[in-house]
Amino acid sequence: TALDNIRIGAHSRFGGNFVGDALRLRGSRHT
């Protein structure tokens, strides 16, 4: 979707962490 395309662009602002993203830890949820 248009919204998901825009969200992908925003992800470059934040350092990803596979474990945190997969488990939706607090830091990942805030991001």
All heavy atoms as atom14 arrays in JSON, in Angstrom:
{
  "sequence": "TALDNIRIGAHSRFGGNFVGDALRLRGSRHT",
  "atom14_mask": [
    [1, 1, 1, 1, 1, 1, 1, 0, 0, 0, 0, 0, 0, 0],
    [1, 1, 1, 1, 1, 0, 0, 0, 0, 0, 0, 0, 0, 0],
    [1, 1, 1, 1, 1, 1, 1, 1, 0, 0, 0, 0, 0, 0],
    [1, 1, 1, 1, 1, 1, 1, 1, 0, 0, 0, 0, 0, 0],
    [1, 1, 1, 1, 1, 1, 1, 1, 0, 0, 0, 0, 0, 0],
    [1, 1, 1, 1, 1, 1, 1, 1, 0, 0, 0, 0, 0, 0],
    [1, 1, 1, 1, 1, 1, 1, 1, 1, 1, 1, 0, 0, 0],
    [1, 1, 1, 1, 1, 1, 1, 1, 0, 0, 0, 0, 0, 0],
    [1, 1, 1, 1, 0, 0, 0, 0, 0, 0, 0, 0, 0, 0],
    [1, 1, 1, 1, 1, 0, 0, 0, 0, 0, 0, 0, 0, 0],
    [1, 1, 1, 1, 1, 1, 1, 1, 1, 1, 0, 0, 0, 0],
    [1, 1, 1, 1, 1, 1, 0, 0, 0, 0, 0, 0, 0, 0],
    [1, 1, 1, 1, 1, 1, 1, 1, 1, 1, 1, 0, 0, 0],
    [1, 1, 1, 1, 1, 1, 1, 1, 1, 1, 1, 0, 0, 0],
    [1, 1, 1, 1, 0, 0, 0, 0, 0, 0, 0, 0, 0, 0],
    [1, 1, 1, 1, 0, 0, 0, 0, 0, 0, 0, 0, 0, 0],
    [1, 1, 1, 1, 1, 1, 1, 1, 0, 0, 0, 0, 0, 0],
    [1, 1, 1, 1, 1, 1, 1, 1, 1, 1, 1, 0, 0, 0],
    [1, 1, 1, 1, 1, 1, 1, 0, 0, 0, 0, 0, 0, 0],
    [1, 1, 1, 1, 0, 0, 0, 0, 0, 0, 0, 0, 0, 0],
    [1, 1, 1, 1, 1, 1, 1, 1, 0, 0, 0, 0, 0, 0],
    [1, 1, 1, 1, 1, 0, 0, 0, 0, 0, 0, 0, 0, 0],
    [1, 1, 1, 1, 1, 1, 1, 1, 0, 0, 0, 0, 0, 0],
    [1, 1, 1, 1, 1, 1, 1, 1, 1, 1, 1, 0, 0, 0],
    [1, 1, 1, 1, 1, 1, 1, 1, 0, 0, 0, 0, 0, 0],
    [1, 1, 1, 1, 1, 1, 1, 1, 1, 1, 1, 0, 0, 0],
    [1, 1, 1, 1, 0, 0, 0, 0, 0, 0, 0, 0, 0, 0],
    [1, 1, 1, 1, 1, 1, 0, 0, 0, 0, 0, 0, 0, 0],
    [1, 1, 1, 1, 1, 1, 1, 1, 1, 1, 1, 0, 0, 0],
    [1, 1, 1, 1, 1, 1, 1, 1, 1, 1, 0, 0, 0, 0],
    [1, 1, 1, 1, 1, 1, 1, 0, 0, 0, 0, 0, 0, 0]
  ],
  "atom14_positions": [
    [[0.84, -1.2, 0.0], [0.0, 0.0, 0.0], [0.87, 1.25, 0.0], [2.07, 1.22, 0.3], [-0.9, 0.04, 1.23], [-0.08, 0.19, 2.41], [-1.75, -1.22, 1.34], [0.0, 0.0, 0.0], [0.0, 0.0, 0.0], [0.0, 0.0, 0.0], [0.0, 0.0, 0.0], [0.0, 0.0, 0.0], [0.0, 0.0, 0.0], [0.0, 0.0, 0.0]],
    [[0.24, 2.37, -0.32], [0.95, 3.65, -0.27], [1.51, 3.89, 1.12], [2.66, 4.31, 1.29], [0.0, 4.78, -0.67], [0.0, 0.0, 0.0], [0.0, 0.0, 0.0], [0.0, 0.0, 0.0], [0.0, 0.0, 0.0], [0.0, 0.0, 0.0], [0.0, 0.0, 0.0], [0.0, 0.0, 0.0], [0.0, 0.0, 0.0], [0.0, 0.0, 0.0]],
    [[0.7, 3.62, 2.15], [1.15, 3.84, 3.52], [2.35, 2.98, 3.87], [3.31, 3.45, 4.49], [0.0, 3.56, 4.49], [0.31, 3.74, 5.98], [0.74, 5.18, 6.28], [-0.89, 3.36, 6.84], [0.0, 0.0, 0.0], [0.0, 0.0, 0.0], [0.0, 0.0, 0.0], [0.0, 0.0, 0.0], [0.0, 0.0, 0.0], [0.0, 0.0, 0.0]],
    [[2.33, 1.71, 3.47], [3.45, 0.83, 3.79], [4.73, 1.26, 3.06], [5.83, 1.13, 3.59], [3.1, -0.62, 3.45], [2.21, -1.27, 4.49], [2.16, -0.75, 5.62], [1.55, -2.28, 4.17], [0.0, 0.0, 0.0], [0.0, 0.0, 0.0], [0.0, 0.0, 0.0], [0.0, 0.0, 0.0], [0.0, 0.0, 0.0], [0.0, 0.0, 0.0]],
    [[4.59, 1.77, 1.83], [5.75, 2.29, 1.13], [6.37, 3.45, 1.9], [7.59, 3.54, 2.03], [5.35, 2.77, -0.27], [5.5, 1.69, -1.32], [6.56, 1.53, -1.9], [4.42, 0.94, -1.54], [0.0, 0.0, 0.0], [0.0, 0.0, 0.0], [0.0, 0.0, 0.0], [0.0, 0.0, 0.0], [0.0, 0.0, 0.0], [0.0, 0.0, 0.0]],
    [[5.54, 4.32, 2.44], [6.04, 5.46, 3.19], [6.69, 4.99, 4.49], [7.74, 5.51, 4.9], [4.9, 6.47, 3.47], [4.32, 6.97, 2.14], [5.41, 7.64, 4.3], [3.04, 7.76, 2.29], [0.0, 0.0, 0.0], [0.0, 0.0, 0.0], [0.0, 0.0, 0.0], [0.0, 0.0, 0.0], [0.0, 0.0, 0.0], [0.0, 0.0, 0.0]],
    [[6.09, 4.01, 5.14], [6.66, 3.48, 6.38], [8.04, 2.86, 6.14], [8.93, 2.99, 6.97], [5.73, 2.44, 7.0], [4.4, 3.01, 7.5], [3.51, 1.97, 8.12], [3.94, 1.7, 9.5], [4.6, 0.63, 9.89], [4.95, -0.3, 9.02], [4.93, 0.47, 11.15], [0.0, 0.0, 0.0], [0.0, 0.0, 0.0], [0.0, 0.0, 0.0]],
    [[8.21, 2.22, 4.99], [9.53, 1.66, 4.66], [10.57, 2.77, 4.59], [11.7, 2.61, 5.07], [9.45, 0.89, 3.32], [8.7, -0.43, 3.53], [10.84, 0.63, 2.75], [8.38, -1.16, 2.24], [0.0, 0.0, 0.0], [0.0, 0.0, 0.0], [0.0, 0.0, 0.0], [0.0, 0.0, 0.0], [0.0, 0.0, 0.0], [0.0, 0.0, 0.0]],
    [[10.2, 3.91, 4.01], [11.13, 5.03, 3.96], [11.52, 5.52, 5.34], [12.67, 5.91, 5.58], [0.0, 0.0, 0.0], [0.0, 0.0, 0.0], [0.0, 0.0, 0.0], [0.0, 0.0, 0.0], [0.0, 0.0, 0.0], [0.0, 0.0, 0.0], [0.0, 0.0, 0.0], [0.0, 0.0, 0.0], [0.0, 0.0, 0.0], [0.0, 0.0, 0.0]],
    [[10.57, 5.49, 6.28], [10.85, 5.96, 7.63], [11.77, 5.03, 8.4], [12.47, 5.46, 9.33], [9.54, 6.15, 8.4], [0.0, 0.0, 0.0], [0.0, 0.0, 0.0], [0.0, 0.0, 0.0], [0.0, 0.0, 0.0], [0.0, 0.0, 0.0], [0.0, 0.0, 0.0], [0.0, 0.0, 0.0], [0.0, 0.0, 0.0], [0.0, 0.0, 0.0]],
    [[11.82, 3.75, 8.03], [12.64, 2.79, 8.76], [14.13, 3.13, 8.7], [14.89, 2.76, 9.6], [12.41, 1.38, 8.21], [11.35, 0.62, 8.93], [11.56, -0.01, 10.14], [10.03, 0.42, 8.62], [10.44, -0.58, 10.54], [9.5, -0.34, 9.64], [0.0, 0.0, 0.0], [0.0, 0.0, 0.0], [0.0, 0.0, 0.0], [0.0, 0.0, 0.0]],
    [[14.56, 3.84, 7.66], [15.99, 4.18, 7.55], [16.44, 5.15, 8.62], [17.63, 5.35, 8.83], [16.28, 4.76, 6.16], [15.6, 5.99, 5.98], [0.0, 0.0, 0.0], [0.0, 0.0, 0.0], [0.0, 0.0, 0.0], [0.0, 0.0, 0.0], [0.0, 0.0, 0.0], [0.0, 0.0, 0.0], [0.0, 0.0, 0.0], [0.0, 0.0, 0.0]],
    [[15.48, 5.77, 9.32], [15.83, 6.7, 10.4], [16.28, 5.97, 11.66], [16.91, 6.55, 12.53], [14.62, 7.56, 10.77], [14.19, 8.56, 9.74], [15.15, 9.72, 9.66], [15.31, 10.39, 10.94], [16.17, 11.37, 11.16], [16.97, 11.77, 10.19], [16.26, 11.94, 12.34], [0.0, 0.0, 0.0], [0.0, 0.0, 0.0], [0.0, 0.0, 0.0]],
    [[15.96, 4.68, 11.75], [16.16, 3.96, 13.01], [17.01, 2.72, 12.79], [16.88, 2.03, 11.79], [14.8, 3.55, 13.6], [13.84, 4.69, 13.74], [12.93, 4.98, 12.73], [13.87, 5.5, 14.86], [12.05, 6.04, 12.84], [12.99, 6.56, 14.98], [12.08, 6.84, 13.97], [0.0, 0.0, 0.0], [0.0, 0.0, 0.0], [0.0, 0.0, 0.0]],
    [[17.87, 2.44, 13.73], [18.68, 1.22, 13.66], [17.82, 0.01, 14.0], [17.2, -0.05, 15.06], [0.0, 0.0, 0.0], [0.0, 0.0, 0.0], [0.0, 0.0, 0.0], [0.0, 0.0, 0.0], [0.0, 0.0, 0.0], [0.0, 0.0, 0.0], [0.0, 0.0, 0.0], [0.0, 0.0, 0.0], [0.0, 0.0, 0.0], [0.0, 0.0, 0.0]],
    [[17.77, -0.95, 13.09], [16.95, -2.13, 13.32], [17.67, -3.16, 14.18], [18.88, -3.23, 14.22], [0.0, 0.0, 0.0], [0.0, 0.0, 0.0], [0.0, 0.0, 0.0], [0.0, 0.0, 0.0], [0.0, 0.0, 0.0], [0.0, 0.0, 0.0], [0.0, 0.0, 0.0], [0.0, 0.0, 0.0], [0.0, 0.0, 0.0], [0.0, 0.0, 0.0]],
    [[16.88, -3.97, 14.87], [17.4, -5.07, 15.66], [16.47, -6.26, 15.43], [15.3, -6.21, 15.78], [17.41, -4.69, 17.16], [17.91, -5.82, 18.03], [17.24, -6.82, 18.2], [19.1, -5.63, 18.6], [0.0, 0.0, 0.0], [0.0, 0.0, 0.0], [0.0, 0.0, 0.0], [0.0, 0.0, 0.0], [0.0, 0.0, 0.0], [0.0, 0.0, 0.0]],
    [[17.0, -7.3, 14.81], [16.14, -8.41, 14.38], [15.37, -9.02, 15.55], [14.17, -9.25, 15.49], [16.97, -9.49, 13.68], [16.17, -10.69, 13.29], [15.36, -10.66, 12.16], [16.2, -11.85, 14.06], [14.6, -11.77, 11.8], [15.45, -12.95, 13.7], [14.66, -12.91, 12.57], [0.0, 0.0, 0.0], [0.0, 0.0, 0.0], [0.0, 0.0, 0.0]],
    [[16.08, -9.3, 16.67], [15.43, -9.93, 17.82], [14.37, -9.01, 18.4], [13.23, -9.42, 18.67], [16.47, -10.31, 18.88], [15.78, -10.84, 20.14], [17.45, -11.34, 18.33], [0.0, 0.0, 0.0], [0.0, 0.0, 0.0], [0.0, 0.0, 0.0], [0.0, 0.0, 0.0], [0.0, 0.0, 0.0], [0.0, 0.0, 0.0], [0.0, 0.0, 0.0]],
    [[14.73, -7.74, 18.57], [13.77, -6.8, 19.14], [12.56, -6.61, 18.27], [11.42, -6.56, 18.75], [0.0, 0.0, 0.0], [0.0, 0.0, 0.0], [0.0, 0.0, 0.0], [0.0, 0.0, 0.0], [0.0, 0.0, 0.0], [0.0, 0.0, 0.0], [0.0, 0.0, 0.0], [0.0, 0.0, 0.0], [0.0, 0.0, 0.0], [0.0, 0.0, 0.0]],
    [[12.78, -6.53, 16.93], [11.65, -6.36, 16.01], [10.77, -7.61, 16.01], [9.54, -7.52, 16.0], [12.16, -6.09, 14.59], [12.83, -4.72, 14.48], [12.66, -3.9, 15.4], [13.53, -4.48, 13.47], [0.0, 0.0, 0.0], [0.0, 0.0, 0.0], [0.0, 0.0, 0.0], [0.0, 0.0, 0.0], [0.0, 0.0, 0.0], [0.0, 0.0, 0.0]],
    [[11.4, -8.79, 16.02], [10.64, -10.03, 15.96], [9.79, -10.23, 17.21], [8.64, -10.68, 17.14], [11.58, -11.22, 15.77], [0.0, 0.0, 0.0], [0.0, 0.0, 0.0], [0.0, 0.0, 0.0], [0.0, 0.0, 0.0], [0.0, 0.0, 0.0], [0.0, 0.0, 0.0], [0.0, 0.0, 0.0], [0.0, 0.0, 0.0], [0.0, 0.0, 0.0]],
    [[10.35, -9.88, 18.36], [9.64, -10.08, 19.63], [8.83, -8.86, 20.04], [8.14, -8.89, 21.07], [10.65, -10.42, 20.74], [11.45, -11.71, 20.53], [12.44, -11.92, 21.68], [10.51, -12.92, 20.41], [0.0, 0.0, 0.0], [0.0, 0.0, 0.0], [0.0, 0.0, 0.0], [0.0, 0.0, 0.0], [0.0, 0.0, 0.0], [0.0, 0.0, 0.0]],
    [[8.93, -7.78, 19.23], [8.22, -6.54, 19.52], [8.51, -6.07, 20.95], [7.6, -5.82, 21.75], [6.71, -6.69, 19.29], [6.37, -6.96, 17.83], [4.88, -6.87, 17.58], [4.33, -5.55, 17.88], [4.42, -4.51, 17.08], [5.09, -4.6, 15.94], [3.89, -3.37, 17.41], [0.0, 0.0, 0.0], [0.0, 0.0, 0.0], [0.0, 0.0, 0.0]],
    [[9.79, -5.98, 21.27], [10.2, -5.48, 22.57], [9.89, -3.99, 22.67], [9.53, -3.34, 21.7], [11.7, -5.75, 22.77], [12.1, -7.23, 22.74], [13.6, -7.37, 22.97], [11.31, -8.04, 23.77], [0.0, 0.0, 0.0], [0.0, 0.0, 0.0], [0.0, 0.0, 0.0], [0.0, 0.0, 0.0], [0.0, 0.0, 0.0], [0.0, 0.0, 0.0]],
    [[10.06, -3.45, 23.9], [9.62, -2.08, 24.17], [10.24, -1.08, 23.2], [9.55, -0.23, 22.65], [9.96, -1.7, 25.61], [9.54, -0.28, 25.95], [9.85, 0.05, 27.39], [9.14, -0.85, 28.31], [9.3, -0.81, 29.63], [10.17, 0.03, 30.18], [8.63, -1.64, 30.4], [0.0, 0.0, 0.0], [0.0, 0.0, 0.0], [0.0, 0.0, 0.0]],
    [[11.55, -1.19, 22.98], [12.21, -0.26, 22.08], [11.67, -0.35, 20.67], [11.49, 0.66, 19.99], [0.0, 0.0, 0.0], [0.0, 0.0, 0.0], [0.0, 0.0, 0.0], [0.0, 0.0, 0.0], [0.0, 0.0, 0.0], [0.0, 0.0, 0.0], [0.0, 0.0, 0.0], [0.0, 0.0, 0.0], [0.0, 0.0, 0.0], [0.0, 0.0, 0.0]],
    [[11.4, -1.58, 20.22], [10.85, -1.79, 18.89], [9.45, -1.18, 18.77], [9.11, -0.56, 17.76], [10.82, -3.28, 18.55], [10.22, -3.5, 17.32], [0.0, 0.0, 0.0], [0.0, 0.0, 0.0], [0.0, 0.0, 0.0], [0.0, 0.0, 0.0], [0.0, 0.0, 0.0], [0.0, 0.0, 0.0], [0.0, 0.0, 0.0], [0.0, 0.0, 0.0]],
    [[8.64, -1.35, 19.8], [7.28, -0.8, 19.76], [7.32, 0.73, 19.7], [6.52, 1.36, 19.0], [6.49, -1.27, 20.97], [6.21, -2.79, 20.98], [5.09, -3.13, 21.95], [5.41, -2.73, 23.32], [6.04, -3.51, 24.2], [6.44, -4.72, 23.84], [6.27, -3.09, 25.42], [0.0, 0.0, 0.0], [0.0, 0.0, 0.0], [0.0, 0.0, 0.0]],
    [[8.26, 1.33, 20.45], [8.4, 2.78, 20.43], [8.8, 3.26, 19.04], [8.26, 4.25, 18.53], [9.43, 3.22, 21.47], [9.71, 4.7, 21.45], [8.8, 5.62, 21.92], [10.78, 5.41, 21.0], [9.3, 6.84, 21.77], [10.5, 6.72, 21.21], [0.0, 0.0, 0.0], [0.0, 0.0, 0.0], [0.0, 0.0, 0.0], [0.0, 0.0, 0.0]],
    [[9.73, 2.53, 18.4], [10.16, 2.88, 17.06], [8.99, 2.8, 16.08], [8.81, 3.68, 15.23], [11.28, 1.93, 16.59], [12.43, 2.13, 17.41], [11.66, 2.19, 15.13], [0.0, 0.0, 0.0], [0.0, 0.0, 0.0], [0.0, 0.0, 0.0], [0.0, 0.0, 0.0], [0.0, 0.0, 0.0], [0.0, 0.0, 0.0], [0.0, 0.0, 0.0]]
  ]
}
